[in-house]
C-alpha atoms as a PDB file:
ATOM      1  CA  MET A   1     -94.669   3.511  35.427  1.00  0.00           C
ATOM      2  CA  ASP A   2     -92.043   2.232  32.420  1.00  0.00           C
ATOM      3  CA  ILE A   3     -93.841  -1.095  30.225  1.00  0.00           C
ATOM      4  CA  LYS A   4     -90.879  -2.772  32.253  1.00  0.00           C
ATOM      5  CA  THR A   5     -93.570  -1.840  35.560  1.00  0.00           C
ATOM      6  CA  ALA A   6     -96.622  -2.079  34.073  1.00  0.00           C
ATOM      7  CA  SER A   7     -95.867  -6.367  32.438  1.00  0.00           C
ATOM      8  CA  ALA A   8     -94.505  -7.127  35.979  1.00  0.00           C
ATOM      9  CA  LEU A   9     -97.935  -5.914  37.540  1.00  0.00           C
ATOM     10  CA  ARG A  10     -99.537  -6.876  35.307  1.00  0.00           C
ATOM     11  CA  ARG A  11     -98.502 -10.014  35.004  1.00  0.00           C
ATOM     12  CA  LEU A  12     -98.190 -10.468  39.244  1.00  0.00           C
ATOM     13  CA  ARG A  13    -102.436  -9.723  38.218  1.00  0.00           C
ATOM     14  CA  LEU A  14    -102.959 -11.378  36.160  1.00  0.00           C
ATOM     15  CA  VAL A  15    -102.121 -14.176  38.319  1.00  0.00           C
ATOM     16  CA  SER A  16    -103.403 -13.816  41.543  1.00  0.00           C
ATOM     17  CA  ALA A  17    -106.473 -15.204  40.553  1.00  0.00           C
ATOM     18  CA  PRO A  18    -106.053 -18.674  39.590  1.00  0.00           C
ATOM     19  CA  GLU A  19    -104.048 -18.986  42.119  1.00  0.00           C
ATOM     20  CA  ALA A  20    -106.996 -17.940  44.798  1.00  0.00           C
ATOM     21  CA  VAL A  21    -109.511 -20.343  42.353  1.00  0.00           C
ATOM     22  CA  SER A  22    -106.726 -22.509  42.908  1.00  0.00           C
ATOM     23  CA  PHE A  23    -106.674 -22.866  46.350  1.00  0.00           C
ATOM     24  CA  LEU A  24    -110.165 -23.099  46.935  1.00  0.00           C
ATOM     25  CA  LEU A  25    -110.371 -26.067  45.193  1.00  0.00           C
ATOM     26  CA  LEU A  26    -107.609 -27.594  47.330  1.00  0.00           C
ATOM     27  CA  LEU A  27    -109.244 -26.842  50.074  1.00  0.00           C
ATOM     28  CA  VAL A  28    -112.801 -27.839  48.430  1.00  0.00           C
ATOM     29  CA  CYS A  29    -110.624 -30.906  46.896  1.00  0.00           C
ATOM     30  CA  SER A  30    -108.828 -32.094  50.508  1.00  0.00           C
ATOM     31  CA  ALA A  31    -112.849 -31.353  52.182  1.00  0.00           C
ATOM     32  CA  LEU A  32    -114.202 -33.924  49.659  1.00  0.00           C
ATOM     33  CA  LYS A  33    -111.344 -36.462  50.777  1.00  0.00           C
ATOM     34  CA  ARG A  34    -112.013 -36.629  54.104  1.00  0.00           C
ATOM     35  CA  MET A  35    -115.743 -37.031  53.923  1.00  0.00           C
ATOM     36  CA  THR A  36    -115.590 -39.498  50.147  1.00  0.00           C
ATOM     37  CA  ASP A  37    -113.303 -41.628  47.881  1.00  0.00           C
ATOM     38  CA  PHE A  38    -113.153 -38.965  45.495  1.00  0.00           C
ATOM     39  CA  ASN A  39    -109.393 -37.492  45.719  1.00  0.00           C
ATOM     40  CA  ALA A  40    -108.583 -34.543  43.539  1.00  0.00           C
ATOM     41  CA  VAL A  41    -105.691 -33.587  46.200  1.00  0.00           C
ATOM     42  CA  PRO A  42    -102.924 -35.048  44.647  1.00  0.00           C
ATOM     43  CA  VAL A  43    -103.748 -32.909  41.283  1.00  0.00           C
ATOM     44  CA  MET A  44    -105.054 -29.475  42.418  1.00  0.00           C
ATOM     45  CA  GLY A  45    -101.796 -29.419  45.003  1.00  0.00           C
ATOM     46  CA  ALA A  46     -99.814 -29.534  41.823  1.00  0.00           C
ATOM     47  CA  VAL A  47    -102.020 -27.617  39.534  1.00  0.00           C
ATOM     48  CA  HIS A  48    -101.350 -24.853  42.974  1.00  0.00           C
ATOM     49  CA  GLY A  49     -98.439 -25.530  43.819  1.00  0.00           C
ATOM     50  CA  ILE A  50     -97.334 -24.112  40.000  1.00  0.00           C
ATOM     51  CA  LEU A  51     -99.642 -21.328  40.672  1.00  0.00           C
ATOM     52  CA  PHE A  52     -98.329 -20.170  43.953  1.00  0.00           C
ATOM     53  CA  VAL A  53     -94.837 -20.781  42.217  1.00  0.00           C
ATOM     54  CA  ILE A  54     -95.425 -18.177  39.744  1.00  0.00           C
ATOM     55  CA  TYR A  55     -97.222 -16.524  42.242  1.00  0.00           C
ATOM     56  CA  VAL A  56     -94.793 -15.492  44.077  1.00  0.00           C
ATOM     57  CA  LEU A  57     -92.228 -15.538  40.909  1.00  0.00           C
ATOM     58  CA  PHE A  58     -93.934 -12.896  39.590  1.00  0.00           C
ATOM     59  CA  TRP A  59     -94.154 -11.088  42.903  1.00  0.00           C
ATOM     60  CA  LEU A  60     -89.999 -10.591  43.607  1.00  0.00           C
ATOM     61  CA  ASP A  61     -89.889  -9.306  39.719  1.00  0.00           C
ATOM     62  CA  ALA A  62     -93.461  -6.857  40.286  1.00  0.00           C
ATOM     63  CA  TRP A  63     -91.296  -5.668  43.881  1.00  0.00           C
ATOM     64  CA  ASN A  64     -88.528  -5.194  42.339  1.00  0.00           C
ATOM     65  CA  LYS A  65     -89.568  -3.212  39.108  1.00  0.00           C
ATOM     66  CA  THR A  66     -91.206  -0.653  41.436  1.00  0.00           C
ATOM     67  CA  LYS A  67     -89.778  -0.713  44.229  1.00  0.00           C
ATOM     68  CA  TRP A  68     -92.344  -1.220  46.867  1.00  0.00           C
ATOM     69  CA  PRO A  69     -92.247  -0.606  50.884  1.00  0.00           C
ATOM     70  CA  LEU A  70     -91.235  -3.475  52.356  1.00  0.00           C
ATOM     71  CA  LYS A  71     -94.694  -3.230  53.995  1.00  0.00           C
ATOM     72  CA  THR A  72     -96.477  -2.492  50.869  1.00  0.00           C
ATOM     73  CA  ALA A  73     -94.751  -5.901  50.112  1.00  0.00           C
ATOM     74  CA  ALA A  74     -95.291  -7.858  52.503  1.00  0.00           C
ATOM     75  CA  LEU A  75     -99.282  -7.118  52.056  1.00  0.00           C
ATOM     76  CA  TYR A  76     -99.078  -8.703  48.370  1.00  0.00           C
ATOM     77  CA  PHE A  77     -96.866 -11.482  49.875  1.00  0.00           C
ATOM     78  CA  ILE A  78     -99.884 -12.293  53.096  1.00  0.00           C
ATOM     79  CA  LEU A  79    -102.354 -12.267  50.270  1.00  0.00           C
ATOM     80  CA  SER A  80    -100.778 -14.870  47.869  1.00  0.00           C
ATOM     81  CA  VAL A  81    -101.606 -17.340  51.677  1.00  0.00           C
ATOM     82  CA  LEU A  82    -105.302 -16.317  52.772  1.00  0.00           C
ATOM     83  CA  PRO A  83    -107.707 -18.591  50.252  1.00  0.00           C
ATOM     84  CA  THR A  84    -109.675 -15.523  48.970  1.00  0.00           C
ATOM     85  CA  GLY A  85    -106.722 -13.230  49.323  1.00  0.00           C
ATOM     86  CA  GLY A  86    -105.366 -13.718  45.787  1.00  0.00           C
ATOM     87  CA  PHE A  87    -108.946 -12.033  44.628  1.00  0.00           C
ATOM     88  CA  PHE A  88    -107.959  -9.111  46.904  1.00  0.00           C
ATOM     89  CA  ALA A  89    -104.256  -8.848  45.852  1.00  0.00           C
ATOM     90  CA  GLU A  90    -105.975  -8.662  41.937  1.00  0.00           C
ATOM     91  CA  ARG A  91    -108.219  -5.761  42.650  1.00  0.00           C
ATOM     92  CA  MET A  92    -105.750  -4.048  44.520  1.00  0.00           C
ATOM     93  CA  LEU A  93    -103.015  -4.701  41.766  1.00  0.00           C
ATOM     94  CA  ARG A  94    -105.791  -3.573  38.820  1.00  0.00           C
ATOM     95  CA  ARG A  95    -105.591  -0.490  40.925  1.00  0.00           C
ATOM     96  CA  GLU A  96    -102.653   0.220  41.317  1.00  0.00           C
ATOM     97  CA  ALA A  97    -102.277   0.534  37.346  1.00  0.00           C
ATOM     98  CA  GLU A  98    -105.186   2.500  37.177  1.00  0.00           C
ATOM     99  CA  ALA A  99    -103.963   5.471  39.578  1.00  0.00           C
ATOM    100  CA  SER A 100    -100.545   5.201  37.956  1.00  0.00           C
ATOM    101  CA  VAL A 101    -102.141   5.546  34.140  1.00  0.00           C
ATOM    102  CA  ILE A 102    -103.837   8.229  35.534  1.00  0.00           C
ATOM    103  CA  ALA A 103    -100.989   9.603  36.671  1.00  0.00           C
ATOM    104  CA  ALA A 104     -98.422   9.113  33.544  1.00  0.00           C
ATOM    105  CA  ARG A 105    -101.741  10.790  31.063  1.00  0.00           C
ATOM    106  CA  ALA A 106    -101.892  14.059  33.753  1.00  0.00           C
ATOM    107  CA  ARG A 107     -97.843  14.770  33.424  1.00  0.00           C
ATOM    108  CA  LYS A 108     -97.826  13.965  29.861  1.00  0.00           C
ATOM    109  CA  GLU A 109    -100.478  16.650  29.430  1.00  0.00           C
ATOM    110  CA  GLY A 110     -98.805  18.902  31.583  1.00  0.00           C
ATOM    111  CA  VAL A 111    -101.492  19.659  34.833  1.00  0.00           C
ATOM    112  CA  VAL A 112     -99.612  17.471  37.669  1.00  0.00           C
ATOM    113  CA  ASN A 113     -95.885  18.209  37.676  1.00  0.00           C
ATOM    114  CA  ALA A 114     -96.094  14.473  39.425  1.00  0.00           C
END
């Protein structure tokens, strides 16, 4: 994996968890708005919207650089619209990055011809 691909995956991974947290906070704020006089939905909606747009841009960049199959790319996108999906996406992206580092080291040391 080249450095541009690795950095694209890293960016996507780093925005996944904050995007998921903002989504959960938006849901909590939405519930609080209906039960109390507390209304933070406009603020949390804007924060979540910005993080979601950043996630989608980083997702497109990672898809372009990694050449994921449509099924994999769709999975990462679907995870972004589920309330806790960003946490799963972050974990999967971390594992993918670790596996590619291990494979690159093995190729460098001549252990495998991958």
